[in-house]
Protein backbone atom coordinates (compact mmCIF):
# COMPACT_ATOMS: atom_id res chain seq x y z
CA MET A 1 -6.74 -0.69 -30.59
CA ASP A 2 -9.25 1.83 -31.95
CA THR A 3 -11.25 4.41 -29.99
CA GLU A 4 -14.31 2.18 -29.58
CA GLN A 5 -12.18 -0.66 -28.26
CA LYS A 6 -10.43 1.66 -25.80
CA LYS A 7 -13.82 2.72 -24.43
CA ALA A 8 -14.63 -0.94 -23.77
CA VAL A 9 -11.50 -1.53 -21.65
CA LEU A 10 -12.51 -2.55 -18.12
CA ARG A 11 -9.04 -2.76 -16.61
CA GLU A 12 -5.41 -2.88 -17.73
CA GLY A 13 -2.01 -3.30 -16.17
CA PHE A 14 0.92 -5.64 -15.59
CA LEU A 15 0.42 -9.20 -14.38
CA VAL A 16 2.98 -12.00 -14.25
CA LYS A 17 1.85 -15.06 -16.23
CA ARG A 18 3.08 -18.64 -16.06
CA GLY A 19 3.91 -20.20 -19.43
CA HIS A 20 1.99 -23.25 -20.65
CA LEU A 21 4.81 -25.28 -22.20
CA VAL A 22 7.78 -23.93 -20.27
CA HIS A 23 6.54 -23.18 -16.76
CA ASN A 24 8.49 -19.98 -16.34
CA TRP A 25 6.92 -16.70 -15.23
CA LYS A 26 6.91 -13.59 -17.43
CA ALA A 27 5.50 -10.10 -16.98
CA ARG A 28 2.83 -9.22 -19.53
CA TRP A 29 0.55 -6.23 -20.10
CA PHE A 30 -3.07 -7.36 -19.67
CA ILE A 31 -6.19 -5.65 -21.00
CA LEU A 32 -9.59 -6.78 -19.73
CA MET A 33 -12.39 -6.42 -22.26
CA PRO A 34 -16.07 -7.31 -21.69
CA ASP A 35 -15.65 -10.74 -23.29
CA LYS A 36 -11.91 -11.47 -23.30
CA LEU A 37 -8.58 -10.90 -21.60
CA LEU A 38 -5.76 -9.82 -23.93
CA TYR A 39 -2.07 -9.79 -23.10
CA TYR A 40 0.98 -8.20 -24.71
CA LYS A 41 4.74 -8.25 -24.29
CA PHE A 42 6.86 -5.17 -23.59
CA GLU A 43 9.77 -4.95 -26.01
CA GLY A 44 12.41 -2.63 -24.61
CA GLY A 45 10.41 0.09 -22.94
CA LYS A 46 7.38 0.01 -25.23
CA ARG A 47 4.37 -2.27 -25.39
CA ASP A 48 4.54 -4.63 -28.37
CA SER A 49 1.57 -3.95 -30.63
CA CYS A 50 1.51 -7.66 -31.48
CA GLN A 51 -0.99 -9.38 -29.23
CA ARG A 52 0.66 -12.33 -27.45
CA GLY A 53 -2.50 -14.08 -26.32
CA ARG A 54 -6.24 -13.96 -25.84
CA ILE A 55 -8.37 -15.62 -23.17
CA MET A 56 -12.08 -15.80 -23.94
CA LEU A 57 -14.03 -15.22 -20.73
CA LYS A 58 -17.35 -16.96 -21.36
CA ASP A 59 -17.80 -19.78 -18.81
CA CYS A 60 -14.38 -19.13 -17.25
CA VAL A 61 -13.88 -20.01 -13.60
CA VAL A 62 -11.76 -17.75 -11.36
CA THR A 63 -10.04 -19.09 -8.23
CA CYS A 64 -8.73 -16.38 -5.92
CA PRO A 65 -6.56 -16.74 -3.93
CA PHE A 66 -4.66 -19.69 -5.41
CA LEU A 67 -1.90 -20.83 -3.06
CA GLU A 68 -0.39 -23.91 -4.67
CA HIS A 69 2.64 -22.05 -6.05
CA GLU A 70 5.42 -21.87 -3.47
CA ASN A 71 6.46 -18.29 -2.61
CA ARG A 72 3.73 -16.85 -4.87
CA PRO A 73 0.80 -15.88 -2.61
CA LEU A 74 -0.51 -13.27 -5.06
CA VAL A 75 -1.56 -15.73 -7.79
CA PHE A 76 -5.10 -16.30 -9.01
CA LYS A 77 -6.20 -19.04 -11.40
CA LEU A 78 -8.32 -18.62 -14.52
CA GLN A 79 -9.74 -21.78 -16.11
CA THR A 80 -11.41 -21.46 -19.50
CA LYS A 81 -14.45 -23.28 -20.87
CA SER A 82 -12.09 -25.69 -22.66
CA SER A 83 -10.26 -26.40 -19.36
CA VAL A 84 -7.12 -24.45 -20.28
CA VAL A 85 -5.65 -23.10 -17.03
CA HIS A 86 -3.90 -19.73 -16.69
CA PHE A 87 -1.97 -18.69 -13.58
CA LEU A 88 -1.68 -14.92 -13.13
CA GLU A 89 0.17 -13.02 -10.41
CA ALA A 90 -0.47 -9.43 -9.29
CA CYS A 91 1.79 -6.99 -7.44
CA SER A 92 -0.29 -6.90 -4.22
CA ARG A 93 -3.24 -8.58 -2.55
CA GLU A 94 -5.40 -5.57 -3.34
CA GLU A 95 -4.49 -5.74 -7.04
CA ARG A 96 -4.93 -9.52 -7.12
CA ASP A 97 -8.41 -9.33 -5.60
CA ALA A 98 -9.42 -6.38 -7.82
CA TRP A 99 -8.36 -8.19 -11.01
CA ALA A 100 -10.14 -11.37 -9.91
CA ALA A 101 -13.31 -9.44 -9.01
CA ASP A 102 -13.38 -7.55 -12.33
CA ILE A 103 -12.80 -10.72 -14.37
CA THR A 104 -15.48 -12.56 -12.37
CA ALA A 105 -17.93 -9.71 -12.96
CA ALA A 106 -17.22 -9.84 -16.71
CA VAL A 107 -17.76 -13.62 -16.72
CA GLU A 108 -21.09 -13.21 -14.87
CA LYS A 109 -22.35 -10.69 -17.45
CA LEU A 110 -21.65 -13.19 -20.25
CA LYS A 111 -23.84 -15.90 -18.71
CA THR A 112 -27.20 -16.81 -20.19
CA PRO A 113 -30.27 -16.64 -17.88
CA ALA A 114 -30.06 -20.40 -17.34
CA ASP A 115 -26.39 -20.10 -16.40
CA GLY A 116 -27.22 -17.23 -14.08
CA GLU A 117 -29.70 -19.33 -12.10
CA THR A 118 -27.06 -21.98 -11.54
CA ALA A 119 -24.46 -19.40 -10.60
CA GLY A 120 -26.84 -17.81 -8.12
CA GLN A 121 -27.07 -21.06 -6.21
CA GLN A 122 -23.29 -21.14 -5.89
CA ASP A 123 -22.82 -17.48 -5.05
CA PRO A 124 -20.30 -17.33 -2.17
CA SER A 125 -21.48 -13.89 -1.09
CA GLY A 126 -24.52 -15.39 0.57
CA SER A 127 -22.95 -17.19 3.51
CA GLU A 128 -25.00 -20.01 4.99
CA PRO A 129 -26.64 -19.02 8.30
CA GLY A 130 -24.78 -20.45 11.25
CA ARG A 131 -22.13 -21.99 9.00
CA LEU A 132 -19.23 -20.97 11.23
CA HIS A 133 -20.94 -22.32 14.34
CA ASN A 134 -20.67 -25.83 12.90
CA ILE A 135 -16.92 -25.69 12.26
CA ASN A 136 -14.65 -27.78 14.44
CA LEU A 137 -11.79 -25.44 15.40
CA SER A 138 -9.50 -28.34 16.32
CA LYS A 139 -9.84 -29.74 12.79
CA VAL A 140 -9.14 -26.31 11.31
CA LEU A 141 -6.00 -26.11 13.44
CA ASP A 142 -4.92 -29.61 12.34
CA SER A 143 -5.26 -28.51 8.69
CA MET A 144 -3.28 -25.31 9.34
CA TYR A 145 -0.62 -27.37 11.09
CA ASP A 146 -0.25 -29.90 8.25
CA THR A 147 3.37 -29.98 7.08
CA HIS A 148 2.49 -30.23 3.37
CA SER A 149 -0.70 -28.23 2.83
CA GLY A 150 -0.87 -26.06 5.95
CA ILE A 151 0.32 -22.56 6.77
CA LYS A 152 4.03 -22.00 6.07
CA LEU A 153 6.10 -20.66 8.96
CA THR A 154 8.65 -18.06 7.89
CA ASN A 155 10.67 -15.10 9.14
CA HIS A 156 8.99 -11.70 9.26
CA VAL A 157 10.43 -8.31 10.12
CA GLU A 158 8.36 -5.73 12.01
CA GLN A 159 9.66 -2.33 13.11
CA GLY A 160 13.29 -3.46 13.03
CA SER A 161 12.73 -6.75 14.90
CA THR A 162 12.92 -10.16 13.22
CA TYR A 163 10.36 -12.77 14.26
CA SER A 164 10.80 -16.42 13.32
CA ASN A 165 8.20 -19.16 12.80
CA CYS A 166 5.21 -16.94 12.16
CA PHE A 167 2.77 -15.85 9.44
CA SER A 168 0.82 -12.72 8.64
CA GLY A 169 -2.91 -12.18 9.10
CA SER A 170 -3.39 -11.86 5.34
CA GLU A 171 -1.65 -15.19 4.76
CA VAL A 172 -4.05 -16.89 7.20
CA VAL A 173 -7.12 -15.32 5.55
CA ASP A 174 -5.86 -16.27 2.06
CA TRP A 175 -5.29 -19.84 3.22
CA LEU A 176 -8.71 -20.22 4.89
CA VAL A 177 -10.48 -18.99 1.74
CA PHE A 178 -8.32 -21.12 -0.57
CA MET A 179 -8.97 -24.26 1.51
CA GLN A 180 -12.70 -23.40 1.43
CA LEU A 181 -12.89 -23.35 5.22
CA ALA A 182 -14.38 -19.86 4.79
CA LEU A 183 -16.34 -18.52 1.83
CA THR A 184 -15.32 -14.87 2.13
CA ARG A 185 -12.48 -12.87 3.67
CA VAL A 186 -14.86 -11.46 6.30
CA GLU A 187 -15.88 -14.99 7.28
CA ALA A 188 -12.21 -16.02 7.40
CA VAL A 189 -11.42 -13.15 9.81
CA THR A 190 -14.25 -14.33 12.09
CA LEU A 191 -12.90 -17.89 12.00
CA ALA A 192 -9.31 -16.75 12.67
CA SER A 193 -10.57 -14.58 15.56
CA ALA A 194 -12.18 -17.69 17.05
CA LEU A 195 -8.87 -19.57 16.77
CA LEU A 196 -7.14 -16.66 18.49
CA GLU A 197 -9.76 -16.45 21.23
CA GLU A 198 -9.50 -20.20 21.92
CA GLY A 199 -5.73 -19.92 22.31
CA PHE A 200 -4.86 -21.98 19.22
CA LEU A 201 -3.08 -18.96 17.70
CA ARG A 202 -1.07 -16.23 19.38
CA THR A 203 -0.10 -12.68 18.50
CA VAL A 204 3.49 -11.90 17.43
CA GLY A 205 4.87 -8.37 17.36
CA LEU A 206 3.33 -5.02 18.26
CA ARG A 207 0.73 -4.69 15.50
CA SER A 208 -1.31 -7.78 16.29
CA VAL A 209 -0.92 -7.35 20.05
CA GLU A 210 -2.32 -3.82 19.86
CA ALA A 211 -5.19 -4.97 17.63
CA LEU A 212 -6.12 -7.69 20.12
CA ARG A 213 -6.08 -5.18 22.96
CA THR A 214 -8.23 -2.51 21.32
CA ALA A 215 -10.59 -4.38 18.97
CA GLY A 216 -14.00 -5.85 19.66
CA LEU A 217 -14.51 -9.61 19.92
CA SER A 218 -15.37 -10.04 16.26
CA GLU A 219 -12.38 -7.99 15.09
CA GLN A 220 -9.56 -9.46 17.14
CA PHE A 221 -7.77 -10.88 14.11
CA MET A 222 -6.35 -8.57 11.42
CA ASP A 223 -6.47 -9.30 7.69
CA ASP A 224 -3.19 -7.42 7.27
CA SER A 225 0.22 -8.37 5.87
CA THR A 226 2.02 -6.55 8.73
CA ALA A 227 0.05 -8.13 11.61
CA LEU A 228 1.91 -11.28 12.68
CA TYR A 229 0.66 -14.46 14.33
CA SER A 230 1.90 -17.95 15.11
CA PHE A 231 0.72 -21.20 16.64
CA ALA A 232 0.34 -21.30 20.42
CA ASP A 233 3.52 -22.02 22.36
CA SER A 234 2.27 -25.52 23.16
CA PHE A 235 2.74 -26.44 19.46
CA LYS A 236 6.06 -26.92 17.72
CA LYS A 237 5.68 -27.37 13.97
CA ARG A 238 8.17 -29.30 11.87
CA GLY A 239 10.03 -27.33 9.26
CA SER A 240 10.39 -24.24 11.43
CA VAL A 241 12.90 -21.60 10.45
CA LYS A 242 15.48 -19.75 12.47
CA ALA A 243 15.54 -15.99 12.62
CA GLU A 244 18.44 -14.30 10.88
CA THR A 245 19.38 -10.69 11.45
CA SER A 246 21.18 -8.87 8.66
CA LEU A 247 21.55 -5.44 7.12
CA SER A 248 18.91 -6.35 4.53
CA ALA A 249 16.51 -7.27 7.35
CA VAL A 250 16.80 -3.72 8.67
CA GLU A 251 16.29 -2.29 5.17
CA LEU A 252 13.19 -4.43 4.70
CA SER A 253 11.73 -3.73 8.14
CA GLY A 254 9.89 -0.51 7.23
CA LYS A 255 6.16 -0.26 6.70
CA VAL A 256 5.16 -0.92 3.07
CA ILE A 257 3.73 2.30 1.63
CA ARG A 258 3.30 1.27 -2.00
CA ARG A 259 3.80 -1.75 -4.28
CA GLY A 260 3.55 -1.89 -8.05
CA PHE A 261 5.02 -2.96 -11.37
CA LEU A 262 7.23 -0.39 -13.12
CA LEU A 263 9.69 -0.49 -16.03
CA LYS A 264 13.31 0.12 -15.03
CA GLN A 265 16.27 0.84 -17.30
CA GLY A 266 19.35 -1.25 -16.58
CA HIS A 267 22.55 0.53 -15.57
CA LYS A 268 24.91 -1.38 -17.86
CA ARG A 269 22.98 -2.74 -20.84
CA LYS A 270 20.39 0.09 -20.76
CA ASN A 271 17.61 -2.39 -21.50
CA TRP A 272 14.14 -2.02 -19.96
CA LYS A 273 12.66 -4.67 -17.69
CA VAL A 274 9.48 -4.95 -15.64
CA ARG A 275 10.26 -4.86 -11.94
CA LEU A 276 8.11 -5.08 -8.82
CA PHE A 277 8.89 -1.94 -6.79
CA VAL A 278 8.22 -1.79 -3.04
CA LEU A 279 8.39 1.53 -1.18
CA ARG A 280 8.95 1.33 2.57
CA SER A 281 8.97 3.91 5.34
CA GLU A 282 10.95 4.08 8.63
CA PRO A 283 13.50 3.34 7.33
CA ALA A 284 12.71 4.80 3.90
CA PHE A 285 13.92 2.44 1.17
CA LEU A 286 12.89 1.65 -2.38
CA HIS A 287 13.56 -1.97 -3.38
CA TYR A 288 12.87 -3.71 -6.66
CA TYR A 289 12.36 -7.39 -7.40
CA ASP A 290 12.40 -9.64 -10.44
CA PRO A 291 8.70 -10.57 -10.75
CA THR A 292 9.58 -13.76 -12.64
CA LYS A 293 11.19 -15.05 -9.40
CA ASP A 294 9.80 -13.89 -6.04
CA ASP A 295 9.26 -10.88 -3.79
CA ILE A 296 11.48 -12.22 -1.01
CA SER A 297 14.96 -11.29 -2.22
CA PRO A 298 15.27 -7.87 -3.92
CA VAL A 299 17.59 -7.61 -6.91
CA GLY A 300 18.34 -4.02 -5.95
CA GLY A 301 17.36 -1.12 -3.77
CA PHE A 302 18.54 2.06 -2.10
CA SER A 303 17.89 4.39 0.80
CA LEU A 304 15.66 7.34 -0.06
CA ARG A 305 17.52 9.68 2.30
CA GLY A 306 18.79 12.62 0.29
CA CYS A 307 17.30 11.32 -2.99
CA LEU A 308 15.96 13.61 -5.70
CA VAL A 309 12.96 12.46 -7.74
CA SER A 310 11.59 14.28 -10.76
CA ALA A 311 9.17 13.77 -13.65
CA LEU A 312 10.70 13.74 -17.12
CA ASP A 313 9.17 15.33 -20.20
CA ASP A 314 7.63 12.74 -22.52
CA ASN A 315 8.36 14.87 -25.59
CA GLY A 316 11.50 13.33 -27.02
CA VAL A 317 13.97 11.04 -25.30
CA PRO A 318 15.77 12.60 -22.29
CA ALA A 319 19.53 12.32 -21.96
CA GLY A 320 20.59 9.00 -20.45
CA VAL A 321 17.47 7.17 -21.64
CA LYS A 322 17.78 4.50 -24.32
CA GLY A 323 15.27 2.53 -26.35
CA ASN A 324 11.84 3.01 -27.86
CA ILE A 325 10.07 4.14 -24.72
CA GLN A 326 6.36 4.33 -23.94
CA GLY A 327 6.46 7.48 -21.80
CA ASN A 328 5.46 8.45 -18.23
CA LEU A 329 9.11 8.65 -17.24
CA PHE A 330 10.61 9.76 -13.97
CA LYS A 331 14.13 9.81 -12.57
CA ILE A 332 15.55 9.18 -9.10
CA ILE A 333 19.05 10.38 -8.19
CA THR A 334 20.41 8.82 -5.01
CA GLN A 335 22.63 10.53 -2.46
CA SER A 336 25.58 8.68 -4.00
CA ASP A 337 24.67 10.13 -7.45
CA VAL A 338 23.32 6.93 -9.01
CA HIS A 339 20.64 7.69 -11.62
CA TYR A 340 17.56 5.46 -11.97
CA PHE A 341 15.26 5.88 -14.99
CA ILE A 342 11.78 4.45 -14.46
CA GLN A 343 8.58 4.26 -16.51
CA ALA A 344 5.08 4.00 -15.09
CA ALA A 345 2.08 2.60 -16.94
CA THR A 346 0.08 5.84 -16.80
CA HIS A 347 0.62 9.52 -16.03
CA LYS A 348 -1.40 9.17 -12.81
CA ASP A 349 0.66 6.18 -11.71
CA LYS A 350 3.85 8.16 -12.37
CA MET A 351 2.69 11.15 -10.31
CA ASP A 352 1.43 8.92 -7.48
CA TRP A 353 4.84 7.21 -7.26
CA ILE A 354 6.68 10.53 -7.34
CA ASP A 355 4.47 11.98 -4.57
CA ALA A 356 4.88 8.86 -2.42
CA ILE A 357 8.69 8.83 -2.84
CA ARG A 358 9.01 12.57 -2.14
CA GLN A 359 7.24 12.13 1.18
CA GLU A 360 9.97 9.70 2.24
CA THR A 361 13.05 11.64 1.04
């Protein structure tokens, strides 16, 4: 990519993409240009210069969130003019929504004036006056309660306590937008607040209880992945789960400080793989997940107590590091003297991760 092309880059980073022929998920490096979305494979620890795919953006349609993939709430859908569908997954809701917004903006700029007039009529940002007043809350609840297409009840851990048969505020907002019961996230929060006020939903755990106690009427419900809710006690949904308490539940109970895709060197084979890293506080743990699977069961992790984290010089290959690496390396040494070598996408990303980890050690 030459200098002029680099100047035209609107956004870049890791996303997990579902294959077209074999429906497996693979991490790819995506680069958003004004008229196309390019993606590359990482070979070892370095981005493959051979472009793996190109998605032309003109007349594309973006659906965000897209919740039809089980255990993958961070997916958005991109459908091209020729009806080819791409499913892309980000590392967090914020990243998912940012990618979708930037791609949508690029698509809008490519429209002709005639297209723009049509798009303006469908613009979801202009909510219809009084639209929410006409919604039947009982029907919304019935849809949420549906065994097949409704909200999934799962276990959640908050501040060391495990809560069964509940869902987070962000999951509810995602679902309401995806089912087109609300046009925007703000509208979805207003609708969820109405469900809460009418007693159809209840708060679970300290975060949502405190929000209900202190917030105004229009802000009772939190669009937050750590604020928990469930159906009112008078409902008992099929397919409920039982709470399980384990050591991993305690490890995973801390507040999420940072999420992101990083390259990690394996301990035995010394190969580099993209992993989703999640940094938690109180207790301070760093877990990593295989992004081709899910973000429920970590493939590894460790306590940050007594850890040492340091940036590595990108000039040359440091001792212990194998492969043709991209750069932006840092190292974490645990209290039990296990060495982790990690690559970030950019120098800023590397320093932000180091600063965040140091605050927890």
